[in-house]
Amino acid sequence: MSNFLTLKWGTLKAWNFEGNEEAMKLLQQYHDIGSSLSAAMQEDTPEQKEIICKLIDLTPGEICLDWTGDYVSKDDAKKYVQEYKRVKYEDL
């Protein structure tokens, strides 16, 4: 299976970085900061968003956005991660 990255809710949804030591170290850093098993519940810190952007750069080809199944450029994927806003229940 080749390396890939899928994003949802502005964060990591699915990935495979087998054989990519640099990406695996970044994933460990991401999880060490603290993460949820649910993309819907994850609230990334600025540092985690930066790690995701580095993972995007390490992913061959385009990045998949899970909601639509669309594949986007690395620049569009990074913009999605950096600009994603989650509406909180208490804000409604």
N, C-alpha and C. Protein backbone atom coordinates (compact mmCIF):
# COMPACT_ATOMS: atom_id res chain seq x y z
N MET A 1 0.85 -1.17 0.00
CA MET A 1 0.00 0.00 0.00
C MET A 1 0.89 1.24 0.00
N SER A 2 0.58 2.21 -0.84
CA SER A 2 1.40 3.41 -0.91
C SER A 2 1.00 4.40 0.18
N ASN A 3 1.88 5.34 0.45
CA ASN A 3 1.61 6.35 1.46
C ASN A 3 0.47 7.24 1.01
N PHE A 4 -0.42 7.60 1.97
CA PHE A 4 -1.54 8.50 1.67
C PHE A 4 -1.94 9.24 2.94
N LEU A 5 -2.74 10.28 2.76
CA LEU A 5 -3.25 11.06 3.88
C LEU A 5 -4.67 11.50 3.54
N THR A 6 -5.58 11.29 4.49
CA THR A 6 -6.97 11.72 4.35
C THR A 6 -7.30 12.64 5.51
N LEU A 7 -7.97 13.75 5.20
CA LEU A 7 -8.34 14.74 6.21
C LEU A 7 -9.85 14.82 6.35
N LYS A 8 -10.31 15.11 7.56
CA LYS A 8 -11.73 15.32 7.83
C LYS A 8 -11.85 16.20 9.07
N TRP A 9 -12.85 17.08 9.11
CA TRP A 9 -13.03 17.98 10.25
C TRP A 9 -11.79 18.85 10.47
N GLY A 10 -11.01 19.08 9.43
CA GLY A 10 -9.82 19.91 9.54
C GLY A 10 -8.63 19.23 10.19
N THR A 11 -8.69 17.89 10.33
CA THR A 11 -7.62 17.17 11.00
C THR A 11 -7.35 15.83 10.32
N LEU A 12 -6.49 15.04 10.92
CA LEU A 12 -6.16 13.71 10.39
C LEU A 12 -7.35 12.77 10.50
N LYS A 13 -7.61 12.05 9.44
CA LYS A 13 -8.67 11.03 9.44
C LYS A 13 -8.05 9.64 9.23
N ALA A 14 -7.25 9.51 8.19
CA ALA A 14 -6.62 8.23 7.87
C ALA A 14 -5.27 8.51 7.20
N TRP A 15 -4.35 7.57 7.35
CA TRP A 15 -3.03 7.75 6.76
C TRP A 15 -2.31 6.42 6.68
N ASN A 16 -1.31 6.40 5.83
CA ASN A 16 -0.35 5.30 5.78
C ASN A 16 0.99 5.92 5.42
N PHE A 17 1.93 5.83 6.33
CA PHE A 17 3.28 6.33 6.10
C PHE A 17 4.31 5.23 6.33
N GLU A 18 3.90 4.01 6.03
CA GLU A 18 4.81 2.88 6.19
C GLU A 18 6.09 3.12 5.41
N GLY A 19 7.21 2.93 6.09
CA GLY A 19 8.51 3.10 5.44
C GLY A 19 8.99 4.54 5.40
N ASN A 20 8.19 5.48 5.91
CA ASN A 20 8.58 6.89 5.91
C ASN A 20 8.89 7.29 7.35
N GLU A 21 10.14 7.17 7.72
CA GLU A 21 10.56 7.39 9.10
C GLU A 21 10.27 8.82 9.57
N GLU A 22 10.51 9.79 8.72
CA GLU A 22 10.26 11.19 9.08
C GLU A 22 8.78 11.42 9.41
N ALA A 23 7.89 10.88 8.58
CA ALA A 23 6.46 11.02 8.81
C ALA A 23 6.04 10.30 10.09
N MET A 24 6.62 9.14 10.35
CA MET A 24 6.27 8.39 11.55
C MET A 24 6.68 9.16 12.82
N LYS A 25 7.82 9.84 12.78
CA LYS A 25 8.24 10.66 13.91
C LYS A 25 7.28 11.82 14.12
N LEU A 26 6.83 12.43 13.03
CA LEU A 26 5.87 13.52 13.14
C LEU A 26 4.54 13.04 13.72
N LEU A 27 4.09 11.88 13.28
CA LEU A 27 2.86 11.32 13.84
C LEU A 27 2.99 11.06 15.33
N GLN A 28 4.15 10.59 15.76
CA GLN A 28 4.38 10.35 17.19
C GLN A 28 4.33 11.67 17.96
N GLN A 29 4.95 12.72 17.41
CA GLN A 29 4.90 14.04 18.05
C GLN A 29 3.46 14.52 18.16
N TYR A 30 2.70 14.35 17.08
CA TYR A 30 1.29 14.75 17.05
C TYR A 30 0.52 14.06 18.17
N HIS A 31 0.67 12.76 18.29
CA HIS A 31 -0.06 11.99 19.29
C HIS A 31 0.44 12.27 20.71
N ASP A 32 1.73 12.57 20.87
CA ASP A 32 2.28 12.89 22.18
C ASP A 32 1.67 14.18 22.74
N ILE A 33 1.31 15.11 21.88
CA ILE A 33 0.65 16.35 22.31
C ILE A 33 -0.71 16.04 22.90
N GLY A 34 -1.36 15.03 22.33
CA GLY A 34 -2.69 14.63 22.78
C GLY A 34 -3.66 14.61 21.62
N SER A 35 -4.35 13.49 21.45
CA SER A 35 -5.29 13.40 20.34
C SER A 35 -6.43 12.46 20.70
N SER A 36 -7.52 12.65 20.00
CA SER A 36 -8.71 11.84 20.17
C SER A 36 -8.72 10.75 19.10
N LEU A 37 -9.35 9.64 19.39
CA LEU A 37 -9.51 8.61 18.37
C LEU A 37 -10.55 9.02 17.34
N SER A 38 -11.31 10.06 17.63
CA SER A 38 -12.36 10.54 16.74
C SER A 38 -11.93 11.87 16.11
N ALA A 39 -11.90 11.92 14.78
CA ALA A 39 -11.57 13.17 14.10
C ALA A 39 -12.57 14.26 14.47
N ALA A 40 -13.82 13.89 14.67
CA ALA A 40 -14.86 14.86 15.01
C ALA A 40 -14.61 15.50 16.38
N MET A 41 -13.93 14.81 17.26
CA MET A 41 -13.68 15.32 18.62
C MET A 41 -12.30 15.98 18.76
N GLN A 42 -11.45 15.82 17.78
CA GLN A 42 -10.09 16.35 17.85
C GLN A 42 -10.09 17.86 17.71
N GLU A 43 -9.39 18.53 18.60
CA GLU A 43 -9.18 19.98 18.52
C GLU A 43 -7.69 20.22 18.48
N ASP A 44 -7.16 20.36 17.29
CA ASP A 44 -5.72 20.48 17.11
C ASP A 44 -5.18 21.80 17.65
N THR A 45 -4.01 21.72 18.26
CA THR A 45 -3.28 22.90 18.68
C THR A 45 -2.59 23.49 17.44
N PRO A 46 -2.12 24.73 17.53
CA PRO A 46 -1.34 25.27 16.41
C PRO A 46 -0.15 24.38 16.05
N GLU A 47 0.50 23.80 17.06
CA GLU A 47 1.64 22.91 16.80
C GLU A 47 1.19 21.66 16.04
N GLN A 48 0.04 21.11 16.40
CA GLN A 48 -0.48 19.93 15.69
C GLN A 48 -0.84 20.28 14.25
N LYS A 49 -1.40 21.46 14.04
CA LYS A 49 -1.73 21.88 12.67
C LYS A 49 -0.45 21.98 11.84
N GLU A 50 0.61 22.48 12.45
CA GLU A 50 1.89 22.58 11.75
C GLU A 50 2.43 21.19 11.41
N ILE A 51 2.27 20.25 12.31
CA ILE A 51 2.70 18.87 12.06
C ILE A 51 1.89 18.29 10.90
N ILE A 52 0.60 18.52 10.89
CA ILE A 52 -0.24 18.02 9.78
C ILE A 52 0.25 18.61 8.46
N CYS A 53 0.58 19.89 8.45
CA CYS A 53 1.08 20.51 7.21
C CYS A 53 2.39 19.87 6.76
N LYS A 54 3.25 19.52 7.71
CA LYS A 54 4.49 18.82 7.35
C LYS A 54 4.18 17.43 6.80
N LEU A 55 3.19 16.75 7.37
CA LEU A 55 2.78 15.44 6.85
C LEU A 55 2.22 15.57 5.44
N ILE A 56 1.48 16.63 5.20
CA ILE A 56 0.95 16.88 3.85
C ILE A 56 2.11 16.97 2.86
N ASP A 57 3.14 17.72 3.24
CA ASP A 57 4.30 17.85 2.35
C ASP A 57 5.00 16.52 2.09
N LEU A 58 4.93 15.60 3.05
CA LEU A 58 5.59 14.30 2.91
C LEU A 58 4.73 13.26 2.18
N THR A 59 3.49 13.62 1.88
CA THR A 59 2.57 12.69 1.21
C THR A 59 2.75 12.80 -0.30
N PRO A 60 2.98 11.67 -0.98
CA PRO A 60 3.09 11.72 -2.43
C PRO A 60 1.71 12.00 -3.05
N GLY A 61 1.68 12.87 -4.02
CA GLY A 61 0.42 13.14 -4.72
C GLY A 61 -0.49 14.06 -3.93
N GLU A 62 -1.76 14.02 -4.30
CA GLU A 62 -2.75 14.90 -3.69
C GLU A 62 -3.29 14.29 -2.40
N ILE A 63 -4.01 15.11 -1.63
CA ILE A 63 -4.55 14.73 -0.34
C ILE A 63 -6.07 14.57 -0.48
N CYS A 64 -6.62 13.55 0.17
CA CYS A 64 -8.06 13.29 0.09
C CYS A 64 -8.80 14.01 1.22
N LEU A 65 -9.89 14.71 0.86
CA LEU A 65 -10.80 15.28 1.84
C LEU A 65 -11.97 14.32 1.98
N ASP A 66 -12.11 13.74 3.15
CA ASP A 66 -13.04 12.64 3.38
C ASP A 66 -14.50 12.99 3.11
N TRP A 67 -14.94 14.20 3.44
CA TRP A 67 -16.36 14.55 3.28
C TRP A 67 -16.83 14.37 1.85
N THR A 68 -16.01 14.79 0.90
CA THR A 68 -16.41 14.78 -0.50
C THR A 68 -15.73 13.69 -1.32
N GLY A 69 -14.63 13.18 -0.80
CA GLY A 69 -13.84 12.22 -1.57
C GLY A 69 -12.97 12.90 -2.61
N ASP A 70 -12.95 14.24 -2.58
CA ASP A 70 -12.14 15.00 -3.52
C ASP A 70 -10.67 14.93 -3.13
N TYR A 71 -9.82 14.99 -4.13
CA TYR A 71 -8.39 15.07 -3.92
C TYR A 71 -7.96 16.50 -4.21
N VAL A 72 -7.19 17.07 -3.31
CA VAL A 72 -6.78 18.47 -3.44
C VAL A 72 -5.26 18.58 -3.42
N SER A 73 -4.78 19.71 -3.90
CA SER A 73 -3.34 19.97 -3.91
C SER A 73 -2.83 20.10 -2.47
N LYS A 74 -1.54 20.01 -2.32
CA LYS A 74 -0.93 20.17 -1.00
C LYS A 74 -1.24 21.57 -0.43
N ASP A 75 -1.17 22.59 -1.27
CA ASP A 75 -1.46 23.95 -0.80
C ASP A 75 -2.90 24.07 -0.32
N ASP A 76 -3.85 23.50 -1.07
CA ASP A 76 -5.25 23.55 -0.66
C ASP A 76 -5.49 22.73 0.60
N ALA A 77 -4.80 21.62 0.76
CA ALA A 77 -4.94 20.80 1.96
C ALA A 77 -4.42 21.56 3.18
N LYS A 78 -3.30 22.25 3.05
CA LYS A 78 -2.76 23.02 4.17
C LYS A 78 -3.68 24.19 4.52
N LYS A 79 -4.24 24.82 3.51
CA LYS A 79 -5.19 25.91 3.75
C LYS A 79 -6.42 25.37 4.50
N TYR A 80 -6.90 24.21 4.11
CA TYR A 80 -8.04 23.56 4.77
C TYR A 80 -7.73 23.33 6.26
N VAL A 81 -6.56 22.80 6.56
CA VAL A 81 -6.17 22.52 7.94
C VAL A 81 -6.04 23.82 8.74
N GLN A 82 -5.38 24.80 8.18
CA GLN A 82 -5.12 26.05 8.91
C GLN A 82 -6.37 26.90 9.10
N GLU A 83 -7.32 26.84 8.17
CA GLU A 83 -8.49 27.72 8.22
C GLU A 83 -9.75 27.05 8.72
N TYR A 84 -9.71 25.75 8.98
CA TYR A 84 -10.92 25.04 9.39
C TYR A 84 -11.42 25.58 10.72
N LYS A 85 -12.69 25.89 10.77
CA LYS A 85 -13.34 26.39 11.99
C LYS A 85 -14.43 25.42 12.39
N ARG A 86 -14.38 24.99 13.62
CA ARG A 86 -15.38 24.08 14.16
C ARG A 86 -16.40 24.89 14.96
N VAL A 87 -17.68 24.68 14.67
CA VAL A 87 -18.73 25.34 15.43
C VAL A 87 -18.99 24.49 16.67
N LYS A 88 -18.87 25.12 17.81
CA LYS A 88 -19.11 24.41 19.06
C LYS A 88 -20.56 24.57 19.48
N TYR A 89 -21.09 23.56 20.13
CA TYR A 89 -22.48 23.55 20.55
C TYR A 89 -22.81 24.80 21.37
N GLU A 90 -21.93 25.16 22.29
CA GLU A 90 -22.20 26.31 23.14
C GLU A 90 -22.18 27.63 22.38
N ASP A 91 -21.63 27.63 21.16
CA ASP A 91 -21.61 28.82 20.32
C ASP A 91 -22.89 28.99 19.49
N LEU A 92 -23.74 27.99 19.50
CA LEU A 92 -24.97 28.04 18.71
C LEU A 92 -26.04 28.89 19.36
